[in-house]
Amino acid sequence: MRAGIWGIGTYVPEQIITNKDLEKTLDTNDEWIRSRTGIVERRIAEDHIDTSHMSIAAAKEAMKDADIEADELDLILVATVTPDQAFPTVSAMVQKELGAVNAASMDISAACAGFMYGMITAKQFIETGDYRHILVIGTEKLSKFIDWNDRNTAVLFGDGSGAVVMGPVSDDKGILSFELGSDGTGGDHIRLDDYIKMNGREVFKFAVRQMGESSLHVVEKAGLTKDDVDFLIPHQANIRIMEAARQRLDLPLERMSHTVDRYGNTSSASIPLSLAHELSENKIKDGDTLVMVGFGAGLVWGAVAMVWGK
């Protein structure tokens, strides 16, 4: 059987921090941020809203969309590098709050590629027939680790959560192929030392190459050509990186998801947030072939090619 997405849900904090707001405290300006990143604003969670709160809200919406109850969940996977605390895990907290009494739970730490790792892990359990309904959540409160005096990182990140319920779908739908990868030699390029530290130049070079290559690889593994791809949903890190992936697939601009302007880089949440946005805009339809691709600290990456629908 094939694994696919049954339902989707999101949560973003109400508080919006614009580029103009950051101009007041940083040596930067709106034009500089827009031209280099594509970001206009980002959502920042208030102190009392943590990763688990956002995850639970997105999960409830996804379950409603999938029309399943909590006791039907077999597994909860939460991709995050910003848990409320070291333990208990965010996934265990979600399991408790949902009342998912029959579900196992596990957190996945793969930074901005975390949602891809979560989807691909869920795929294995579903296609073996061991589990039927799996909740996959990409969720981050990156604002906890931002140095608001560092203009190189403070302008980039935002908070949010996106969740999907995955399950078996018909033979002509669901995930067709995937790729996961890791290059630990680049680990120092993005790291957490009290605050997020990043070598922007090296990350940019890596991401431009890897996003494009991984997108092409999953298309080829699925036995497709670039002409078969209807929509690209890249990790929303930087508009120039996203554009490089789009160009490798020879897709027109309107067939690439672009939400980095409104949310910034939300790490593992960015792909499900973007998917939900494009669905709400009716840009993705039943039977469309999608490529989702992400990269993150580690350095790690992941991509899938899939046909939308059940």
C-alpha atoms as a PDB file:
ATOM      1  CA  MET A   1       0.000   0.000   0.000  1.00  0.00           C
ATOM      2  CA  ARG A   2       1.001   3.629  -0.433  1.00  0.00           C
ATOM      3  CA  ALA A   3       1.226   6.187   2.387  1.00  0.00           C
ATOM      4  CA  GLY A   4      -0.263   9.632   1.920  1.00  0.00           C
ATOM      5  CA  ILE A   5      -1.808  12.569   3.735  1.00  0.00           C
ATOM      6  CA  TRP A   6      -5.373  12.388   5.041  1.00  0.00           C
ATOM      7  CA  GLY A   7      -5.615  15.752   6.766  1.00  0.00           C
ATOM      8  CA  ILE A   8      -3.609  18.868   7.618  1.00  0.00           C
ATOM      9  CA  GLY A   9      -3.645  21.538  10.318  1.00  0.00           C
ATOM     10  CA  THR A  10      -1.567  24.541  11.360  1.00  0.00           C
ATOM     11  CA  TYR A  11      -0.980  26.991  14.155  1.00  0.00           C
ATOM     12  CA  VAL A  12       0.922  30.275  14.097  1.00  0.00           C
ATOM     13  CA  PRO A  13       1.206  32.766  16.963  1.00  0.00           C
ATOM     14  CA  GLU A  14      -0.808  35.980  16.804  1.00  0.00           C
ATOM     15  CA  GLN A  15       2.166  38.282  17.414  1.00  0.00           C
ATOM     16  CA  ILE A  16       3.678  39.618  14.172  1.00  0.00           C
ATOM     17  CA  ILE A  17       7.178  41.139  14.052  1.00  0.00           C
ATOM     18  CA  THR A  18       7.795  43.043  10.826  1.00  0.00           C
ATOM     19  CA  ASN A  19      11.037  44.126   9.221  1.00  0.00           C
ATOM     20  CA  LYS A  20      10.116  47.677  10.181  1.00  0.00           C
ATOM     21  CA  ASP A  21       9.941  46.574  13.808  1.00  0.00           C
ATOM     22  CA  LEU A  22      13.451  45.130  13.588  1.00  0.00           C
ATOM     23  CA  GLU A  23      14.788  48.336  12.055  1.00  0.00           C
ATOM     24  CA  LYS A  24      14.238  49.985  15.435  1.00  0.00           C
ATOM     25  CA  THR A  25      16.724  47.743  17.255  1.00  0.00           C
ATOM     26  CA  LEU A  26      19.067  46.356  14.593  1.00  0.00           C
ATOM     27  CA  ASP A  27      21.484  47.833  12.085  1.00  0.00           C
ATOM     28  CA  THR A  28      19.354  46.705   9.157  1.00  0.00           C
ATOM     29  CA  ASN A  29      16.386  47.803   7.072  1.00  0.00           C
ATOM     30  CA  ASP A  30      13.344  46.398   5.330  1.00  0.00           C
ATOM     31  CA  GLU A  31      14.841  46.564   1.842  1.00  0.00           C
ATOM     32  CA  TRP A  32      18.015  44.721   2.903  1.00  0.00           C
ATOM     33  CA  ILE A  33      16.034  41.904   4.544  1.00  0.00           C
ATOM     34  CA  ARG A  34      13.553  41.553   1.668  1.00  0.00           C
ATOM     35  CA  SER A  35      16.179  41.509  -1.060  1.00  0.00           C
ATOM     36  CA  ARG A  36      18.393  38.928   0.634  1.00  0.00           C
ATOM     37  CA  THR A  37      15.819  36.644   2.246  1.00  0.00           C
ATOM     38  CA  GLY A  38      12.360  37.418   0.891  1.00  0.00           C
ATOM     39  CA  ILE A  39      11.073  37.821   4.462  1.00  0.00           C
ATOM     40  CA  VAL A  40       8.659  40.630   5.303  1.00  0.00           C
ATOM     41  CA  GLU A  41       7.363  39.502   8.685  1.00  0.00           C
ATOM     42  CA  ARG A  42       7.431  36.561  11.067  1.00  0.00           C
ATOM     43  CA  ARG A  43       5.268  35.187  13.902  1.00  0.00           C
ATOM     44  CA  ILE A  44       6.747  35.141  17.409  1.00  0.00           C
ATOM     45  CA  ALA A  45       5.095  33.189  20.221  1.00  0.00           C
ATOM     46  CA  GLU A  46       4.435  34.865  23.545  1.00  0.00           C
ATOM     47  CA  ASP A  47       6.231  33.508  26.606  1.00  0.00           C
ATOM     48  CA  HIS A  48       3.307  31.367  27.767  1.00  0.00           C
ATOM     49  CA  ILE A  49       2.970  29.660  24.365  1.00  0.00           C
ATOM     50  CA  ASP A  50       5.513  26.860  23.986  1.00  0.00           C
ATOM     51  CA  THR A  51       6.225  24.236  21.351  1.00  0.00           C
ATOM     52  CA  SER A  52       3.760  21.734  22.811  1.00  0.00           C
ATOM     53  CA  HIS A  53       0.905  24.271  22.796  1.00  0.00           C
ATOM     54  CA  MET A  54       1.421  25.023  19.106  1.00  0.00           C
ATOM     55  CA  SER A  55       1.774  21.314  18.295  1.00  0.00           C
ATOM     56  CA  ILE A  56      -1.481  20.398  20.012  1.00  0.00           C
ATOM     57  CA  ALA A  57      -3.403  23.143  18.231  1.00  0.00           C
ATOM     58  CA  ALA A  58      -2.110  22.067  14.807  1.00  0.00           C
ATOM     59  CA  ALA A  59      -2.719  18.397  15.614  1.00  0.00           C
ATOM     60  CA  LYS A  60      -6.367  18.962  16.538  1.00  0.00           C
ATOM     61  CA  GLU A  61      -6.967  20.784  13.274  1.00  0.00           C
ATOM     62  CA  ALA A  62      -5.279  18.020  11.260  1.00  0.00           C
ATOM     63  CA  MET A  63      -7.334  15.313  12.956  1.00  0.00           C
ATOM     64  CA  LYS A  64     -10.534  17.212  12.273  1.00  0.00           C
ATOM     65  CA  ASP A  65      -9.546  17.585   8.621  1.00  0.00           C
ATOM     66  CA  ALA A  66      -8.749  13.850   8.424  1.00  0.00           C
ATOM     67  CA  ASP A  67     -11.996  12.984  10.253  1.00  0.00           C
ATOM     68  CA  ILE A  68     -10.363  10.666  12.773  1.00  0.00           C
ATOM     69  CA  GLU A  69     -10.549  10.465  16.549  1.00  0.00           C
ATOM     70  CA  ALA A  70      -7.601  10.492  18.939  1.00  0.00           C
ATOM     71  CA  ASP A  71      -7.988   6.829  19.891  1.00  0.00           C
ATOM     72  CA  GLU A  72      -7.494   5.896  16.216  1.00  0.00           C
ATOM     73  CA  LEU A  73      -3.936   7.234  16.184  1.00  0.00           C
ATOM     74  CA  ASP A  74      -1.224   4.562  16.237  1.00  0.00           C
ATOM     75  CA  LEU A  75       1.839   6.813  16.397  1.00  0.00           C
ATOM     76  CA  ILE A  76       2.680  10.472  17.010  1.00  0.00           C
ATOM     77  CA  LEU A  77       5.904  11.853  15.516  1.00  0.00           C
ATOM     78  CA  VAL A  78       6.975  15.377  16.434  1.00  0.00           C
ATOM     79  CA  ALA A  79       9.841  16.950  14.489  1.00  0.00           C
ATOM     80  CA  THR A  80      11.389  19.729  16.551  1.00  0.00           C
ATOM     81  CA  VAL A  81      14.694  21.092  17.810  1.00  0.00           C
ATOM     82  CA  THR A  82      12.979  23.447  20.261  1.00  0.00           C
ATOM     83  CA  PRO A  83      11.117  21.181  22.716  1.00  0.00           C
ATOM     84  CA  ASP A  84       9.558  22.617  25.863  1.00  0.00           C
ATOM     85  CA  GLN A  85      12.255  20.778  27.821  1.00  0.00           C
ATOM     86  CA  ALA A  86      14.588  17.803  27.382  1.00  0.00           C
ATOM     87  CA  PHE A  87      11.902  15.409  28.587  1.00  0.00           C
ATOM     88  CA  PRO A  88       9.106  14.489  28.604  1.00  0.00           C
ATOM     89  CA  THR A  89       9.068  14.734  24.829  1.00  0.00           C
ATOM     90  CA  VAL A  90       6.735  17.050  22.988  1.00  0.00           C
ATOM     91  CA  SER A  91       5.150  14.015  21.332  1.00  0.00           C
ATOM     92  CA  ALA A  92       4.313  12.522  24.730  1.00  0.00           C
ATOM     93  CA  MET A  93       2.751  15.815  25.794  1.00  0.00           C
ATOM     94  CA  VAL A  94       0.688  15.876  22.589  1.00  0.00           C
ATOM     95  CA  GLN A  95      -0.366  12.257  23.158  1.00  0.00           C
ATOM     96  CA  LYS A  96      -1.548  13.097  26.667  1.00  0.00           C
ATOM     97  CA  GLU A  97      -3.445  16.240  25.692  1.00  0.00           C
ATOM     98  CA  LEU A  98      -5.163  14.603  22.718  1.00  0.00           C
ATOM     99  CA  GLY A  99      -6.098  11.520  24.712  1.00  0.00           C
ATOM    100  CA  ALA A 100      -4.477   9.321  22.073  1.00  0.00           C
ATOM    101  CA  VAL A 101      -4.451   6.311  24.376  1.00  0.00           C
ATOM    102  CA  ASN A 102      -3.433   3.817  21.681  1.00  0.00           C
ATOM    103  CA  ALA A 103      -0.574   5.834  20.199  1.00  0.00           C
ATOM    104  CA  ALA A 104       3.152   5.440  20.659  1.00  0.00           C
ATOM    105  CA  SER A 105       5.101   8.698  20.491  1.00  0.00           C
ATOM    106  CA  MET A 106       8.546   9.895  19.491  1.00  0.00           C
ATOM    107  CA  ASP A 107      10.347  13.193  18.841  1.00  0.00           C
ATOM    108  CA  ILE A 108      12.609  13.567  15.808  1.00  0.00           C
ATOM    109  CA  SER A 109      15.526  16.003  15.795  1.00  0.00           C
ATOM    110  CA  ALA A 110      16.499  16.869  12.224  1.00  0.00           C
ATOM    111  CA  ALA A 111      16.224  20.663  12.322  1.00  0.00           C
ATOM    112  CA  CYS A 112      14.655  22.218   9.227  1.00  0.00           C
ATOM    113  CA  ALA A 113      14.493  18.815   7.493  1.00  0.00           C
ATOM    114  CA  GLY A 114      12.588  17.346  10.437  1.00  0.00           C
ATOM    115  CA  PHE A 115       9.179  17.234   8.784  1.00  0.00           C
ATOM    116  CA  MET A 116      10.639  15.315   5.855  1.00  0.00           C
ATOM    117  CA  TYR A 117      12.211  12.825   8.251  1.00  0.00           C
ATOM    118  CA  GLY A 118       8.876  12.516  10.031  1.00  0.00           C
ATOM    119  CA  MET A 119       6.886  11.895   6.864  1.00  0.00           C
ATOM    120  CA  ILE A 120       9.346   9.313   5.599  1.00  0.00           C
ATOM    121  CA  THR A 121       9.413   7.523   8.964  1.00  0.00           C
ATOM    122  CA  ALA A 122       5.616   7.429   8.970  1.00  0.00           C
ATOM    123  CA  LYS A 123       5.660   6.048   5.433  1.00  0.00           C
ATOM    124  CA  GLN A 124       7.622   2.994   6.548  1.00  0.00           C
ATOM    125  CA  PHE A 125       5.215   2.097   9.362  1.00  0.00           C
ATOM    126  CA  ILE A 126       2.157   2.550   7.149  1.00  0.00           C
ATOM    127  CA  GLU A 127       3.456   0.651   4.145  1.00  0.00           C
ATOM    128  CA  THR A 128       4.457  -2.347   6.269  1.00  0.00           C
ATOM    129  CA  GLY A 129       0.881  -2.459   7.527  1.00  0.00           C
ATOM    130  CA  ASP A 130       1.944  -2.186  11.168  1.00  0.00           C
ATOM    131  CA  TYR A 131       0.282   1.211  11.713  1.00  0.00           C
ATOM    132  CA  ARG A 132      -2.652   2.850   9.957  1.00  0.00           C
ATOM    133  CA  HIS A 133      -2.972   6.407  11.302  1.00  0.00           C
ATOM    134  CA  ILE A 134       0.138   8.445  12.110  1.00  0.00           C
ATOM    135  CA  LEU A 135       0.235  12.056  13.230  1.00  0.00           C
ATOM    136  CA  VAL A 136       3.322  13.921  11.977  1.00  0.00           C
ATOM    137  CA  ILE A 137       4.001  17.388  13.371  1.00  0.00           C
ATOM    138  CA  GLY A 138       6.683  19.904  12.399  1.00  0.00           C
ATOM    139  CA  THR A 139       6.882  22.515  15.134  1.00  0.00           C
ATOM    140  CA  GLU A 140       9.318  25.112  16.435  1.00  0.00           C
ATOM    141  CA  LYS A 141       9.621  27.965  18.885  1.00  0.00           C
ATOM    142  CA  LEU A 142      12.907  29.239  17.513  1.00  0.00           C
ATOM    143  CA  SER A 143      12.432  32.617  19.177  1.00  0.00           C
ATOM    144  CA  LYS A 144      13.662  31.016  22.413  1.00  0.00           C
ATOM    145  CA  PHE A 145      17.129  30.792  20.887  1.00  0.00           C
ATOM    146  CA  ILE A 146      17.405  33.994  18.877  1.00  0.00           C
ATOM    147  CA  ASP A 147      19.903  36.667  19.785  1.00  0.00           C
ATOM    148  CA  TRP A 148      17.805  39.724  18.971  1.00  0.00           C
ATOM    149  CA  ASN A 149      20.990  41.804  18.733  1.00  0.00           C
ATOM    150  CA  ASP A 150      22.443  39.624  15.951  1.00  0.00           C
ATOM    151  CA  ARG A 151      21.175  40.979  12.655  1.00  0.00           C
ATOM    152  CA  ASN A 152      22.437  37.909  10.769  1.00  0.00           C
ATOM    153  CA  THR A 153      19.989  35.569  12.533  1.00  0.00           C
ATOM    154  CA  ALA A 154      17.345  37.738  14.230  1.00  0.00           C
ATOM    155  CA  VAL A 155      15.744  38.632  10.897  1.00  0.00           C
ATOM    156  CA  LEU A 156      15.418  35.038   9.705  1.00  0.00           C
ATOM    157  CA  PHE A 157      13.387  32.930  12.079  1.00  0.00           C
ATOM    158  CA  GLY A 158       9.790  32.595  13.218  1.00  0.00           C
ATOM    159  CA  ASP A 159       7.577  30.299  15.291  1.00  0.00           C
ATOM    160  CA  GLY A 160       4.797  27.978  14.185  1.00  0.00           C
ATOM    161  CA  SER A 161       3.486  24.466  13.792  1.00  0.00           C
ATOM    162  CA  GLY A 162       2.107  22.288  11.013  1.00  0.00           C
ATOM    163  CA  ALA A 163       0.636  18.798  11.346  1.00  0.00           C
ATOM    164  CA  VAL A 164      -0.590  16.069   9.030  1.00  0.00           C
ATOM    165  CA  VAL A 165      -2.397  12.806   9.584  1.00  0.00           C
ATOM    166  CA  MET A 166      -0.904  10.150   7.346  1.00  0.00           C
ATOM    167  CA  GLY A 167      -2.437   6.840   6.384  1.00  0.00           C
ATOM    168  CA  PRO A 168      -2.835   4.352   3.524  1.00  0.00           C
ATOM    169  CA  VAL A 169      -4.083   5.778   0.241  1.00  0.00           C
ATOM    170  CA  SER A 170      -4.967   4.354  -3.161  1.00  0.00           C
ATOM    171  CA  ASP A 171      -2.242   2.957  -5.407  1.00  0.00           C
ATOM    172  CA  ASP A 172      -2.133   6.030  -7.651  1.00  0.00           C
ATOM    173  CA  LYS A 173      -1.760   8.505  -4.761  1.00  0.00           C
ATOM    174  CA  GLY A 174       0.679   9.138  -1.904  1.00  0.00           C
ATOM    175  CA  ILE A 175       4.470   9.102  -1.616  1.00  0.00           C
ATOM    176  CA  LEU A 176       6.203   7.833  -4.752  1.00  0.00           C
ATOM    177  CA  SER A 177       9.842   8.242  -3.712  1.00  0.00           C
ATOM    178  CA  PHE A 178      12.059   9.839  -1.097  1.00  0.00           C
ATOM    179  CA  GLU A 179      15.614  10.833  -0.276  1.00  0.00           C
ATOM    180  CA  LEU A 180      17.289  11.388   3.074  1.00  0.00           C
ATOM    181  CA  GLY A 181      20.874  12.491   3.571  1.00  0.00           C
ATOM    182  CA  SER A 182      23.409  13.799   6.051  1.00  0.00           C
ATOM    183  CA  ASP A 183      26.817  15.464   5.978  1.00  0.00           C
ATOM    184  CA  GLY A 184      28.081  15.912   9.506  1.00  0.00           C
ATOM    185  CA  THR A 185      31.245  17.628   8.304  1.00  0.00           C
ATOM    186  CA  GLY A 186      29.147  20.758   7.903  1.00  0.00           C
ATOM    187  CA  GLY A 187      27.734  20.617  11.397  1.00  0.00           C
ATOM    188  CA  ASP A 188      29.464  23.766  12.591  1.00  0.00           C
ATOM    189  CA  HIS A 189      27.761  25.858   9.914  1.00  0.00           C
ATOM    190  CA  ILE A 190      24.489  25.943  11.914  1.00  0.00           C
ATOM    191  CA  ARG A 191      24.659  25.281  15.628  1.00  0.00           C
ATOM    192  CA  LEU A 192      23.140  26.227  18.957  1.00  0.00           C
ATOM    193  CA  ASP A 193      25.485  27.855  21.482  1.00  0.00           C
ATOM    194  CA  ASP A 194      22.978  29.466  23.833  1.00  0.00           C
ATOM    195  CA  TYR A 195      21.727  31.194  20.674  1.00  0.00           C
ATOM    196  CA  ILE A 196      21.520  30.117  17.037  1.00  0.00           C
ATOM    197  CA  LYS A 197      24.836  30.681  15.238  1.00  0.00           C
ATOM    198  CA  MET A 198      25.137  30.375  11.477  1.00  0.00           C
ATOM    199  CA  ASN A 199      27.769  30.635   8.768  1.00  0.00           C
ATOM    200  CA  GLY A 200      25.405  32.095   6.209  1.00  0.00           C
ATOM    201  CA  ARG A 201      27.752  31.845   3.237  1.00  0.00           C
ATOM    202  CA  GLU A 202      28.464  28.128   3.699  1.00  0.00           C
ATOM    203  CA  VAL A 203      24.836  27.262   4.455  1.00  0.00           C
ATOM    204  CA  PHE A 204      23.738  29.116   1.341  1.00  0.00           C
ATOM    205  CA  LYS A 205      26.183  27.235  -0.902  1.00  0.00           C
ATOM    206  CA  PHE A 206      25.159  23.890   0.568  1.00  0.00           C
ATOM    207  CA  ALA A 207      21.434  24.591   0.374  1.00  0.00           C
ATOM    208  CA  VAL A 208      21.443  25.866  -3.199  1.00  0.00           C
ATOM    209  CA  ARG A 209      23.179  22.693  -4.345  1.00  0.00           C
ATOM    210  CA  GLN A 210      21.344  20.179  -2.187  1.00  0.00           C
ATOM    211  CA  MET A 211      17.789  21.465  -2.566  1.00  0.00           C
ATOM    212  CA  GLY A 212      18.065  21.294  -6.334  1.00  0.00           C
ATOM    213  CA  GLU A 213      19.818  17.930  -6.431  1.00  0.00           C
ATOM    214  CA  SER A 214      17.426  16.268  -3.987  1.00  0.00           C
ATOM    215  CA  SER A 215      14.412  17.574  -5.891  1.00  0.00           C
ATOM    216  CA  LEU A 216      15.721  16.072  -9.109  1.00  0.00           C
ATOM    217  CA  HIS A 217      16.666  12.812  -7.402  1.00  0.00           C
ATOM    218  CA  VAL A 218      13.173  12.086  -6.041  1.00  0.00           C
ATOM    219  CA  VAL A 219      11.628  12.916  -9.409  1.00  0.00           C
ATOM    220  CA  GLU A 220      13.970  10.457 -11.110  1.00  0.00           C
ATOM    221  CA  LYS A 221      13.463   7.787  -8.421  1.00  0.00           C
ATOM    222  CA  ALA A 222       9.719   8.030  -8.981  1.00  0.00           C
ATOM    223  CA  GLY A 223      10.199   7.368 -12.687  1.00  0.00           C
ATOM    224  CA  LEU A 224       9.013  10.880 -13.551  1.00  0.00           C
ATOM    225  CA  THR A 225      10.415  13.811 -15.489  1.00  0.00           C
ATOM    226  CA  LYS A 226      10.486  17.474 -14.566  1.00  0.00           C
ATOM    227  CA  ASP A 227       7.458  17.991 -16.810  1.00  0.00           C
ATOM    228  CA  ASP A 228       5.424  15.750 -14.494  1.00  0.00           C
ATOM    229  CA  VAL A 229       5.898  18.002 -11.447  1.00  0.00           C
ATOM    230  CA  ASP A 230       2.903  20.233 -10.740  1.00  0.00           C
ATOM    231  CA  PHE A 231       4.068  21.996  -7.585  1.00  0.00           C
ATOM    232  CA  LEU A 232       7.214  22.488  -5.503  1.00  0.00           C
ATOM    233  CA  ILE A 233       7.060  23.004  -1.736  1.00  0.00           C
ATOM    234  CA  PRO A 234      10.582  23.847  -0.554  1.00  0.00           C
ATOM    235  CA  HIS A 235      11.699  24.606   2.971  1.00  0.00           C
ATOM    236  CA  GLN A 236      11.087  28.322   3.415  1.00  0.00           C
ATOM    237  CA  ALA A 237      14.556  29.465   4.446  1.00  0.00           C
ATOM    238  CA  ASN A 238      15.537  32.047   1.881  1.00  0.00           C
ATOM    239  CA  ILE A 239      13.902  33.079  -1.387  1.00  0.00           C
ATOM    240  CA  ARG A 240      17.180  32.792  -3.324  1.00  0.00           C
ATOM    241  CA  ILE A 241      17.691  29.202  -2.161  1.00  0.00           C
ATOM    242  CA  MET A 242      14.096  28.357  -3.017  1.00  0.00           C
ATOM    243  CA  GLU A 243      14.473  29.925  -6.455  1.00  0.00           C
ATOM    244  CA  ALA A 244      17.510  27.767  -7.177  1.00  0.00           C
ATOM    245  CA  ALA A 245      15.468  24.615  -6.525  1.00  0.00           C
ATOM    246  CA  ARG A 246      12.595  25.892  -8.671  1.00  0.00           C
ATOM    247  CA  GLN A 247      14.921  26.611 -11.562  1.00  0.00           C
ATOM    248  CA  ARG A 248      16.456  23.138 -11.373  1.00  0.00           C
ATOM    249  CA  LEU A 249      12.960  21.730 -11.920  1.00  0.00           C
ATOM    250  CA  ASP A 250      12.179  24.280 -14.678  1.00  0.00           C
ATOM    251  CA  LEU A 251       8.977  25.274 -12.927  1.00  0.00           C
ATOM    252  CA  PRO A 252       7.263  28.637 -13.417  1.00  0.00           C
ATOM    253  CA  LEU A 253       7.171  30.918 -10.384  1.00  0.00           C
ATOM    254  CA  GLU A 254       3.472  30.339  -9.705  1.00  0.00           C
ATOM    255  CA  ARG A 255       4.103  26.624  -9.174  1.00  0.00           C
ATOM    256  CA  MET A 256       6.399  27.056  -6.176  1.00  0.00           C
ATOM    257  CA  SER A 257       5.098  27.655  -2.670  1.00  0.00           C
ATOM    258  CA  HIS A 258       6.181  31.014  -1.266  1.00  0.00           C
ATOM    259  CA  THR A 259       5.301  31.726   2.366  1.00  0.00           C
ATOM    260  CA  VAL A 260       8.711  32.846   3.630  1.00  0.00           C
ATOM    261  CA  ASP A 261       7.508  36.433   3.310  1.00  0.00           C
ATOM    262  CA  ARG A 262       4.808  35.983   5.962  1.00  0.00           C
ATOM    263  CA  TYR A 263       6.360  33.412   8.328  1.00  0.00           C
ATOM    264  CA  GLY A 264      10.137  33.602   7.904  1.00  0.00           C
ATOM    265  CA  ASN A 265      12.118  30.424   8.499  1.00  0.00           C
ATOM    266  CA  THR A 266      10.045  28.241  10.833  1.00  0.00           C
ATOM    267  CA  SER A 267      12.394  25.246  10.516  1.00  0.00           C
ATOM    268  CA  SER A 268      10.499  21.934  10.612  1.00  0.00           C
ATOM    269  CA  ALA A 269       7.149  23.745  10.473  1.00  0.00           C
ATOM    270  CA  SER A 270       7.800  25.516   7.192  1.00  0.00           C
ATOM    271  CA  ILE A 271       6.827  22.768   4.739  1.00  0.00           C
ATOM    272  CA  PRO A 272       3.480  21.830   6.363  1.00  0.00           C
ATOM    273  CA  LEU A 273       2.656  25.529   6.839  1.00  0.00           C
ATOM    274  CA  SER A 274       3.354  26.101   3.151  1.00  0.00           C
ATOM    275  CA  LEU A 275       1.399  23.030   2.065  1.00  0.00           C
ATOM    276  CA  ALA A 276      -1.622  24.164   4.086  1.00  0.00           C
ATOM    277  CA  HIS A 277      -1.406  27.662   2.623  1.00  0.00           C
ATOM    278  CA  GLU A 278      -1.341  26.430  -0.974  1.00  0.00           C
ATOM    279  CA  LEU A 279      -4.259  24.096  -0.318  1.00  0.00           C
ATOM    280  CA  SER A 280      -6.251  27.001   1.121  1.00  0.00           C
ATOM    281  CA  GLU A 281      -5.504  28.968  -2.051  1.00  0.00           C
ATOM    282  CA  ASN A 282      -6.672  26.012  -4.216  1.00  0.00           C
ATOM    283  CA  LYS A 283      -3.280  25.838  -5.910  1.00  0.00           C
ATOM    284  CA  ILE A 284      -2.939  22.108  -5.189  1.00  0.00           C
ATOM    285  CA  LYS A 285      -5.591  19.748  -6.479  1.00  0.00           C
ATOM    286  CA  ASP A 286      -6.328  16.048  -6.258  1.00  0.00           C
ATOM    287  CA  GLY A 287      -3.927  14.106  -8.467  1.00  0.00           C
ATOM    288  CA  ASP A 288      -1.222  16.799  -8.565  1.00  0.00           C
ATOM    289  CA  THR A 289       2.383  15.634  -8.331  1.00  0.00           C
ATOM    290  CA  LEU A 290       4.265  17.467  -5.586  1.00  0.00           C
ATOM    291  CA  VAL A 291       7.914  17.698  -4.608  1.00  0.00           C
ATOM    292  CA  MET A 292       8.693  18.641  -1.013  1.00  0.00           C
ATOM    293  CA  VAL A 293      12.310  19.286  -0.056  1.00  0.00           C
ATOM    294  CA  GLY A 294      14.074  20.559   3.046  1.00  0.00           C
ATOM    295  CA  PHE A 295      17.549  20.976   4.505  1.00  0.00           C
ATOM    296  CA  GLY A 296      18.815  21.877   7.939  1.00  0.00           C
ATOM    297  CA  ALA A 297      21.456  21.851  10.630  1.00  0.00           C
ATOM    298  CA  GLY A 298      23.467  18.699  10.835  1.00  0.00           C
ATOM    299  CA  LEU A 299      23.802  19.124   7.914  1.00  0.00           C
ATOM    300  CA  VAL A 300      20.816  17.026   6.879  1.00  0.00           C
ATOM    301  CA  TRP A 301      18.297  16.995   4.063  1.00  0.00           C
ATOM    302  CA  GLY A 302      15.198  15.190   2.893  1.00  0.00           C
ATOM    303  CA  ALA A 303      12.786  15.185  -0.031  1.00  0.00           C
ATOM    304  CA  VAL A 304       9.704  13.363  -1.277  1.00  0.00           C
ATOM    305  CA  ALA A 305       7.792  13.129  -4.520  1.00  0.00           C
ATOM    306  CA  MET A 306       4.123  12.384  -4.008  1.00  0.00           C
ATOM    307  CA  VAL A 307       0.727  12.499  -5.665  1.00  0.00           C
ATOM    308  CA  TRP A 308      -1.805  14.494  -3.701  1.00  0.00           C
ATOM    309  CA  GLY A 309      -5.038  12.838  -2.615  1.00  0.00           C
ATOM    310  CA  LYS A 310      -6.390   9.744  -0.888  1.00  0.00           C
END
